[in-house]
Amino acid sequence: MAKGFLIGLTLGGVAAAAAAHYLLTDEQKDQLKQKVRDTSANLKDQVIDYALYAQDAADDLISNADQYKEDAQSKVRTASEKLKAQKDQVVDHFSNDHFEEQTASIREQLASAVENEDDVSDDIVIDKTDSDDEIIDADDQS
């Protein structure tokens, strides 16, 4: 496909040049040549400008890479220190005597709830066995 496009582009350019050679006056040919030179010079300048811009951007990135690396390492170090502090706090909370004191009251409440379970029943029981309503099964409806 690309090969056909290039062949078509080349043949079209040759045909345009031949038509221009026969149909244009000498003055028009000179104007066309000057316009092509100006356009190619402008295009060349733009390509050079973009290449220099890209090179400047790459140089800035390379020169700032060390700073980016140091910033990232600093953030990782800070996060690691915070995580270690939180881990130490949790371990301390579970390993000190206050934890046992705090959970003792919960254990007592659970033990008393188990003892009182047999005495009082808070469940609601609905008994419909003595009802005169007829219960129809889904199988009996057919």
N, C-alpha and C. Protein backbone atom coordinates (compact mmCIF):
# COMPACT_ATOMS: atom_id res chain seq x y z
N MET A 1 0.83 -1.18 0.00
CA MET A 1 0.00 0.00 0.00
C MET A 1 0.88 1.25 0.00
N ALA A 2 1.91 1.28 0.84
CA ALA A 2 2.80 2.43 0.91
C ALA A 2 3.57 2.57 -0.41
N LYS A 3 3.91 1.42 -1.00
CA LYS A 3 4.65 1.44 -2.26
C LYS A 3 3.79 2.06 -3.36
N GLY A 4 2.51 1.69 -3.41
CA GLY A 4 1.59 2.25 -4.39
C GLY A 4 1.38 3.74 -4.17
N PHE A 5 1.34 4.15 -2.89
CA PHE A 5 1.17 5.57 -2.58
C PHE A 5 2.36 6.37 -3.07
N LEU A 6 3.57 5.86 -2.83
CA LEU A 6 4.77 6.57 -3.27
C LEU A 6 4.85 6.64 -4.80
N ILE A 7 4.46 5.56 -5.47
CA ILE A 7 4.47 5.58 -6.94
C ILE A 7 3.46 6.60 -7.45
N GLY A 8 2.28 6.62 -6.85
CA GLY A 8 1.26 7.59 -7.24
C GLY A 8 1.69 9.02 -6.98
N LEU A 9 2.34 9.24 -5.86
CA LEU A 9 2.82 10.57 -5.52
C LEU A 9 3.88 11.03 -6.52
N THR A 10 4.78 10.13 -6.88
CA THR A 10 5.84 10.46 -7.83
C THR A 10 5.26 10.76 -9.21
N LEU A 11 4.37 9.89 -9.68
CA LEU A 11 3.77 10.11 -11.00
C LEU A 11 2.93 11.39 -11.02
N GLY A 12 2.22 11.66 -9.92
CA GLY A 12 1.44 12.90 -9.83
C GLY A 12 2.34 14.13 -9.86
N GLY A 13 3.47 14.03 -9.17
CA GLY A 13 4.41 15.16 -9.17
C GLY A 13 4.99 15.41 -10.55
N VAL A 14 5.34 14.33 -11.24
CA VAL A 14 5.88 14.46 -12.61
C VAL A 14 4.83 15.06 -13.53
N ALA A 15 3.59 14.59 -13.41
CA ALA A 15 2.53 15.11 -14.27
C ALA A 15 2.29 16.59 -13.97
N ALA A 16 2.32 16.96 -12.70
CA ALA A 16 2.12 18.37 -12.33
C ALA A 16 3.26 19.24 -12.86
N ALA A 17 4.48 18.72 -12.77
CA ALA A 17 5.62 19.48 -13.28
C ALA A 17 5.53 19.65 -14.80
N ALA A 18 5.12 18.59 -15.50
CA ALA A 18 4.99 18.68 -16.96
C ALA A 18 3.89 19.67 -17.33
N ALA A 19 2.76 19.60 -16.62
CA ALA A 19 1.66 20.53 -16.91
C ALA A 19 2.10 21.96 -16.59
N ALA A 20 2.82 22.14 -15.50
CA ALA A 20 3.28 23.48 -15.15
C ALA A 20 4.26 24.00 -16.19
N HIS A 21 5.10 23.14 -16.72
CA HIS A 21 6.10 23.55 -17.72
C HIS A 21 5.41 24.03 -19.00
N TYR A 22 4.34 23.37 -19.38
CA TYR A 22 3.69 23.76 -20.62
C TYR A 22 2.64 24.85 -20.44
N LEU A 23 2.00 24.94 -19.28
CA LEU A 23 0.89 25.86 -19.12
C LEU A 23 1.27 27.19 -18.46
N LEU A 24 2.38 27.23 -17.73
CA LEU A 24 2.74 28.45 -17.01
C LEU A 24 3.69 29.30 -17.84
N THR A 25 3.60 30.62 -17.64
CA THR A 25 4.54 31.53 -18.29
C THR A 25 5.84 31.51 -17.50
N ASP A 26 6.87 32.10 -18.05
CA ASP A 26 8.17 32.14 -17.38
C ASP A 26 8.09 32.87 -16.04
N GLU A 27 7.31 33.94 -16.01
CA GLU A 27 7.17 34.71 -14.76
C GLU A 27 6.45 33.87 -13.70
N GLN A 28 5.41 33.14 -14.08
CA GLN A 28 4.68 32.29 -13.15
C GLN A 28 5.57 31.15 -12.64
N LYS A 29 6.42 30.62 -13.56
CA LYS A 29 7.34 29.56 -13.16
C LYS A 29 8.33 30.08 -12.12
N ASP A 30 8.84 31.29 -12.32
CA ASP A 30 9.78 31.87 -11.36
C ASP A 30 9.10 32.11 -10.00
N GLN A 31 7.87 32.59 -10.02
CA GLN A 31 7.12 32.81 -8.78
C GLN A 31 6.88 31.48 -8.04
N LEU A 32 6.53 30.44 -8.81
CA LEU A 32 6.29 29.14 -8.22
C LEU A 32 7.57 28.58 -7.60
N LYS A 33 8.69 28.71 -8.30
CA LYS A 33 9.97 28.23 -7.78
C LYS A 33 10.34 28.98 -6.49
N GLN A 34 10.13 30.31 -6.49
CA GLN A 34 10.45 31.11 -5.30
C GLN A 34 9.56 30.71 -4.12
N LYS A 35 8.29 30.45 -4.42
CA LYS A 35 7.35 30.04 -3.36
C LYS A 35 7.77 28.69 -2.79
N VAL A 36 8.18 27.76 -3.63
CA VAL A 36 8.63 26.45 -3.16
C VAL A 36 9.89 26.61 -2.31
N ARG A 37 10.83 27.45 -2.73
CA ARG A 37 12.05 27.70 -1.95
C ARG A 37 11.73 28.30 -0.58
N ASP A 38 10.82 29.29 -0.57
CA ASP A 38 10.44 29.92 0.70
C ASP A 38 9.76 28.93 1.65
N THR A 39 8.85 28.14 1.09
CA THR A 39 8.14 27.16 1.91
C THR A 39 9.11 26.12 2.47
N SER A 40 10.03 25.64 1.66
CA SER A 40 10.99 24.64 2.14
C SER A 40 11.93 25.24 3.18
N ALA A 41 12.31 26.51 3.02
CA ALA A 41 13.17 27.17 4.00
C ALA A 41 12.42 27.33 5.34
N ASN A 42 11.14 27.73 5.28
CA ASN A 42 10.33 27.87 6.50
C ASN A 42 10.17 26.52 7.19
N LEU A 43 9.90 25.49 6.40
CA LEU A 43 9.75 24.15 6.97
C LEU A 43 11.04 23.69 7.63
N LYS A 44 12.15 23.95 6.97
CA LYS A 44 13.46 23.58 7.53
C LYS A 44 13.70 24.31 8.85
N ASP A 45 13.38 25.61 8.90
CA ASP A 45 13.55 26.39 10.14
C ASP A 45 12.66 25.84 11.27
N GLN A 46 11.43 25.47 10.96
CA GLN A 46 10.53 24.93 11.97
C GLN A 46 11.04 23.60 12.51
N VAL A 47 11.55 22.77 11.63
CA VAL A 47 12.08 21.47 12.06
C VAL A 47 13.28 21.68 12.97
N ILE A 48 14.15 22.61 12.63
CA ILE A 48 15.31 22.90 13.47
C ILE A 48 14.88 23.46 14.82
N ASP A 49 13.89 24.37 14.82
CA ASP A 49 13.40 24.93 16.08
C ASP A 49 12.83 23.85 16.99
N TYR A 50 12.01 22.94 16.43
CA TYR A 50 11.44 21.86 17.23
C TYR A 50 12.52 20.91 17.74
N ALA A 51 13.55 20.65 16.92
CA ALA A 51 14.64 19.77 17.35
C ALA A 51 15.40 20.40 18.52
N LEU A 52 15.64 21.71 18.43
CA LEU A 52 16.34 22.41 19.52
C LEU A 52 15.48 22.44 20.79
N TYR A 53 14.18 22.62 20.62
CA TYR A 53 13.27 22.62 21.77
C TYR A 53 13.28 21.24 22.45
N ALA A 54 13.23 20.19 21.65
CA ALA A 54 13.26 18.84 22.21
C ALA A 54 14.59 18.57 22.92
N GLN A 55 15.66 19.05 22.35
CA GLN A 55 16.98 18.86 22.97
C GLN A 55 17.05 19.61 24.31
N ASP A 56 16.51 20.82 24.35
CA ASP A 56 16.49 21.58 25.61
C ASP A 56 15.65 20.87 26.67
N ALA A 57 14.52 20.34 26.27
CA ALA A 57 13.66 19.63 27.21
C ALA A 57 14.37 18.39 27.75
N ALA A 58 15.04 17.66 26.88
CA ALA A 58 15.78 16.47 27.31
C ALA A 58 16.92 16.85 28.25
N ASP A 59 17.62 17.93 27.94
CA ASP A 59 18.71 18.37 28.83
C ASP A 59 18.18 18.76 30.21
N ASP A 60 17.04 19.46 30.25
CA ASP A 60 16.43 19.84 31.53
C ASP A 60 16.04 18.60 32.33
N LEU A 61 15.46 17.63 31.65
CA LEU A 61 15.05 16.40 32.32
C LEU A 61 16.26 15.67 32.90
N ILE A 62 17.32 15.59 32.13
CA ILE A 62 18.52 14.90 32.60
C ILE A 62 19.16 15.65 33.77
N SER A 63 19.20 16.98 33.68
CA SER A 63 19.82 17.74 34.76
C SER A 63 18.99 17.70 36.04
N ASN A 64 17.67 17.55 35.91
CA ASN A 64 16.80 17.50 37.08
C ASN A 64 16.52 16.08 37.57
N ALA A 65 17.06 15.08 36.89
CA ALA A 65 16.79 13.69 37.26
C ALA A 65 17.29 13.39 38.68
N ASP A 66 18.45 13.91 39.03
CA ASP A 66 18.97 13.68 40.38
C ASP A 66 18.04 14.28 41.44
N GLN A 67 17.51 15.45 41.16
CA GLN A 67 16.60 16.10 42.11
C GLN A 67 15.31 15.28 42.25
N TYR A 68 14.77 14.79 41.12
CA TYR A 68 13.57 13.95 41.17
C TYR A 68 13.83 12.69 41.98
N LYS A 69 15.00 12.10 41.79
CA LYS A 69 15.36 10.88 42.51
C LYS A 69 15.44 11.15 44.01
N GLU A 70 16.09 12.24 44.39
CA GLU A 70 16.21 12.59 45.81
C GLU A 70 14.85 12.86 46.43
N ASP A 71 13.97 13.55 45.70
CA ASP A 71 12.62 13.83 46.21
C ASP A 71 11.85 12.52 46.43
N ALA A 72 11.94 11.61 45.47
CA ALA A 72 11.23 10.33 45.60
C ALA A 72 11.78 9.54 46.78
N GLN A 73 13.10 9.50 46.93
CA GLN A 73 13.70 8.77 48.05
C GLN A 73 13.28 9.39 49.39
N SER A 74 13.21 10.70 49.44
CA SER A 74 12.79 11.38 50.66
C SER A 74 11.34 11.02 51.02
N LYS A 75 10.45 11.00 50.02
CA LYS A 75 9.05 10.66 50.27
C LYS A 75 8.92 9.21 50.74
N VAL A 76 9.70 8.31 50.14
CA VAL A 76 9.66 6.90 50.54
C VAL A 76 10.18 6.76 51.97
N ARG A 77 11.24 7.48 52.29
CA ARG A 77 11.81 7.42 53.64
C ARG A 77 10.80 7.93 54.67
N THR A 78 10.14 9.04 54.37
CA THR A 78 9.14 9.61 55.28
C THR A 78 7.97 8.65 55.49
N ALA A 79 7.48 8.07 54.40
CA ALA A 79 6.37 7.11 54.50
C ALA A 79 6.79 5.89 55.30
N SER A 80 8.01 5.44 55.11
CA SER A 80 8.51 4.28 55.85
C SER A 80 8.59 4.58 57.35
N GLU A 81 9.04 5.77 57.71
CA GLU A 81 9.13 6.16 59.11
C GLU A 81 7.74 6.24 59.75
N LYS A 82 6.76 6.78 59.02
CA LYS A 82 5.39 6.87 59.54
C LYS A 82 4.81 5.47 59.74
N LEU A 83 5.04 4.59 58.79
CA LEU A 83 4.54 3.22 58.89
C LEU A 83 5.17 2.49 60.07
N LYS A 84 6.45 2.68 60.29
CA LYS A 84 7.14 2.05 61.40
C LYS A 84 6.59 2.57 62.73
N ALA A 85 6.34 3.88 62.81
CA ALA A 85 5.78 4.46 64.03
C ALA A 85 4.39 3.90 64.32
N GLN A 86 3.56 3.76 63.30
CA GLN A 86 2.22 3.20 63.50
C GLN A 86 2.31 1.74 63.91
N LYS A 87 3.22 0.99 63.32
CA LYS A 87 3.39 -0.42 63.68
C LYS A 87 3.82 -0.53 65.14
N ASP A 88 4.77 0.30 65.56
CA ASP A 88 5.22 0.28 66.95
C ASP A 88 4.08 0.62 67.91
N GLN A 89 3.24 1.57 67.51
CA GLN A 89 2.10 1.96 68.35
C GLN A 89 1.11 0.80 68.50
N VAL A 90 0.82 0.10 67.43
CA VAL A 90 -0.12 -1.03 67.49
C VAL A 90 0.46 -2.16 68.33
N VAL A 91 1.73 -2.47 68.11
CA VAL A 91 2.37 -3.53 68.89
C VAL A 91 2.38 -3.16 70.36
N ASP A 92 2.67 -1.91 70.67
CA ASP A 92 2.69 -1.46 72.06
C ASP A 92 1.30 -1.57 72.67
N HIS A 93 0.27 -1.23 71.90
CA HIS A 93 -1.10 -1.28 72.41
C HIS A 93 -1.50 -2.71 72.77
N PHE A 94 -1.14 -3.66 71.94
CA PHE A 94 -1.52 -5.05 72.20
C PHE A 94 -0.62 -5.74 73.22
N SER A 95 0.55 -5.21 73.46
CA SER A 95 1.47 -5.90 74.37
C SER A 95 1.48 -5.31 75.79
N ASN A 96 0.87 -4.16 76.00
CA ASN A 96 0.90 -3.59 77.36
C ASN A 96 -0.26 -4.11 78.21
N ASP A 97 -0.27 -3.82 79.52
CA ASP A 97 -1.28 -4.32 80.46
C ASP A 97 -2.64 -3.66 80.27
N HIS A 98 -2.68 -2.47 79.70
CA HIS A 98 -3.94 -1.75 79.54
C HIS A 98 -4.89 -2.51 78.61
N PHE A 99 -4.36 -3.22 77.67
CA PHE A 99 -5.20 -3.97 76.75
C PHE A 99 -5.97 -5.06 77.51
N GLU A 100 -5.31 -5.72 78.42
CA GLU A 100 -5.97 -6.76 79.21
C GLU A 100 -7.08 -6.15 80.07
N GLU A 101 -6.82 -4.97 80.64
CA GLU A 101 -7.82 -4.31 81.47
C GLU A 101 -9.03 -3.87 80.64
N GLN A 102 -8.77 -3.40 79.45
CA GLN A 102 -9.85 -2.93 78.58
C GLN A 102 -10.73 -4.08 78.11
N THR A 103 -10.14 -5.22 77.85
CA THR A 103 -10.92 -6.35 77.35
C THR A 103 -11.58 -7.15 78.47
N ALA A 104 -11.16 -6.95 79.72
CA ALA A 104 -11.75 -7.70 80.84
C ALA A 104 -13.24 -7.41 80.98
N SER A 105 -13.65 -6.15 80.84
CA SER A 105 -15.06 -5.82 80.98
C SER A 105 -15.89 -6.44 79.85
N ILE A 106 -15.33 -6.54 78.68
CA ILE A 106 -16.05 -7.17 77.56
C ILE A 106 -16.24 -8.65 77.84
N ARG A 107 -15.20 -9.30 78.38
CA ARG A 107 -15.31 -10.72 78.72
C ARG A 107 -16.40 -10.95 79.78
N GLU A 108 -16.46 -10.06 80.78
CA GLU A 108 -17.47 -10.19 81.83
C GLU A 108 -18.88 -10.04 81.27
N GLN A 109 -19.09 -9.10 80.37
CA GLN A 109 -20.39 -8.89 79.76
C GLN A 109 -20.81 -10.10 78.93
N LEU A 110 -19.88 -10.68 78.20
CA LEU A 110 -20.19 -11.87 77.41
C LEU A 110 -20.53 -13.06 78.30
N ALA A 111 -19.81 -13.22 79.40
CA ALA A 111 -20.07 -14.32 80.32
C ALA A 111 -21.45 -14.17 80.96
N SER A 112 -21.81 -12.95 81.35
CA SER A 112 -23.12 -12.74 81.97
C SER A 112 -24.23 -12.92 80.95
N ALA A 113 -23.99 -12.60 79.72
CA ALA A 113 -25.00 -12.78 78.68
C ALA A 113 -25.28 -14.25 78.45
N VAL A 114 -24.24 -15.07 78.51
CA VAL A 114 -24.43 -16.52 78.34
C VAL A 114 -25.21 -17.09 79.51
N GLU A 115 -24.94 -16.62 80.73
CA GLU A 115 -25.65 -17.11 81.91
C GLU A 115 -27.13 -16.71 81.88
N ASN A 116 -27.43 -15.52 81.41
CA ASN A 116 -28.80 -15.01 81.39
C ASN A 116 -29.60 -15.51 80.20
N GLU A 117 -28.97 -16.17 79.28
CA GLU A 117 -29.65 -16.62 78.08
C GLU A 117 -30.72 -17.66 78.40
N ASP A 118 -30.45 -18.50 79.37
CA ASP A 118 -31.42 -19.54 79.71
C ASP A 118 -32.62 -18.96 80.47
N ASP A 119 -32.43 -17.85 81.20
CA ASP A 119 -33.49 -17.28 82.03
C ASP A 119 -34.55 -16.55 81.21
N VAL A 120 -34.14 -15.70 80.28
CA VAL A 120 -35.07 -14.86 79.55
C VAL A 120 -34.88 -15.09 78.06
N SER A 121 -35.99 -15.26 77.41
CA SER A 121 -35.92 -15.43 75.97
C SER A 121 -36.55 -14.22 75.32
N ASP A 122 -35.81 -13.50 74.53
CA ASP A 122 -36.29 -12.31 73.85
C ASP A 122 -36.81 -12.64 72.45
N ASP A 123 -36.83 -13.91 72.10
CA ASP A 123 -37.27 -14.30 70.77
C ASP A 123 -38.78 -14.20 70.66
N ILE A 124 -39.28 -13.88 69.51
CA ILE A 124 -40.71 -13.82 69.23
C ILE A 124 -41.06 -15.10 68.48
N VAL A 125 -42.08 -15.81 68.99
CA VAL A 125 -42.50 -17.06 68.37
C VAL A 125 -43.90 -16.88 67.84
N ILE A 126 -44.12 -17.21 66.59
CA ILE A 126 -45.44 -17.14 65.98
C ILE A 126 -45.85 -18.57 65.66
N ASP A 127 -46.96 -18.98 66.24
CA ASP A 127 -47.42 -20.35 66.06
C ASP A 127 -48.75 -20.31 65.31
N LYS A 128 -48.77 -20.82 64.08
CA LYS A 128 -49.99 -20.80 63.27
C LYS A 128 -50.54 -22.21 63.09
N THR A 129 -50.16 -23.14 63.93
CA THR A 129 -50.63 -24.52 63.74
C THR A 129 -52.08 -24.70 64.07
N ASP A 130 -52.66 -23.88 64.96
CA ASP A 130 -54.05 -24.02 65.35
C ASP A 130 -54.98 -23.20 64.47
N SER A 131 -54.52 -22.66 63.43
CA SER A 131 -55.30 -21.78 62.57
C SER A 131 -56.27 -22.58 61.72
N ASP A 132 -57.45 -21.98 61.41
CA ASP A 132 -58.45 -22.63 60.56
C ASP A 132 -58.17 -22.38 59.08
N ASP A 133 -57.19 -21.50 58.79
CA ASP A 133 -56.87 -21.19 57.39
C ASP A 133 -56.31 -22.42 56.71
N GLU A 134 -56.74 -22.60 55.45
CA GLU A 134 -56.25 -23.74 54.69
C GLU A 134 -54.96 -23.34 53.99
N ILE A 135 -53.96 -24.17 54.12
CA ILE A 135 -52.69 -23.92 53.46
C ILE A 135 -52.68 -24.65 52.14
N ILE A 136 -52.46 -23.93 51.07
CA ILE A 136 -52.47 -24.54 49.73
C ILE A 136 -51.04 -24.64 49.25
N ASP A 137 -50.65 -25.84 48.91
CA ASP A 137 -49.30 -26.05 48.35
C ASP A 137 -49.33 -25.67 46.88
N ALA A 138 -48.19 -25.33 46.37
CA ALA A 138 -48.07 -24.98 44.96
C ALA A 138 -48.36 -26.19 44.08
N ASP A 139 -48.07 -27.40 44.58
CA ASP A 139 -48.30 -28.61 43.79
C ASP A 139 -49.79 -28.93 43.71
N ASP A 140 -50.57 -28.55 44.74
CA ASP A 140 -51.99 -28.86 44.79
C ASP A 140 -52.84 -27.94 43.93
N GLN A 141 -52.31 -26.83 43.47
CA GLN A 141 -53.10 -25.84 42.73
C GLN A 141 -53.43 -26.31 41.32
N SER A 142 -52.74 -27.21 40.76
CA SER A 142 -52.95 -27.59 39.37
C SER A 142 -54.04 -28.53 39.14
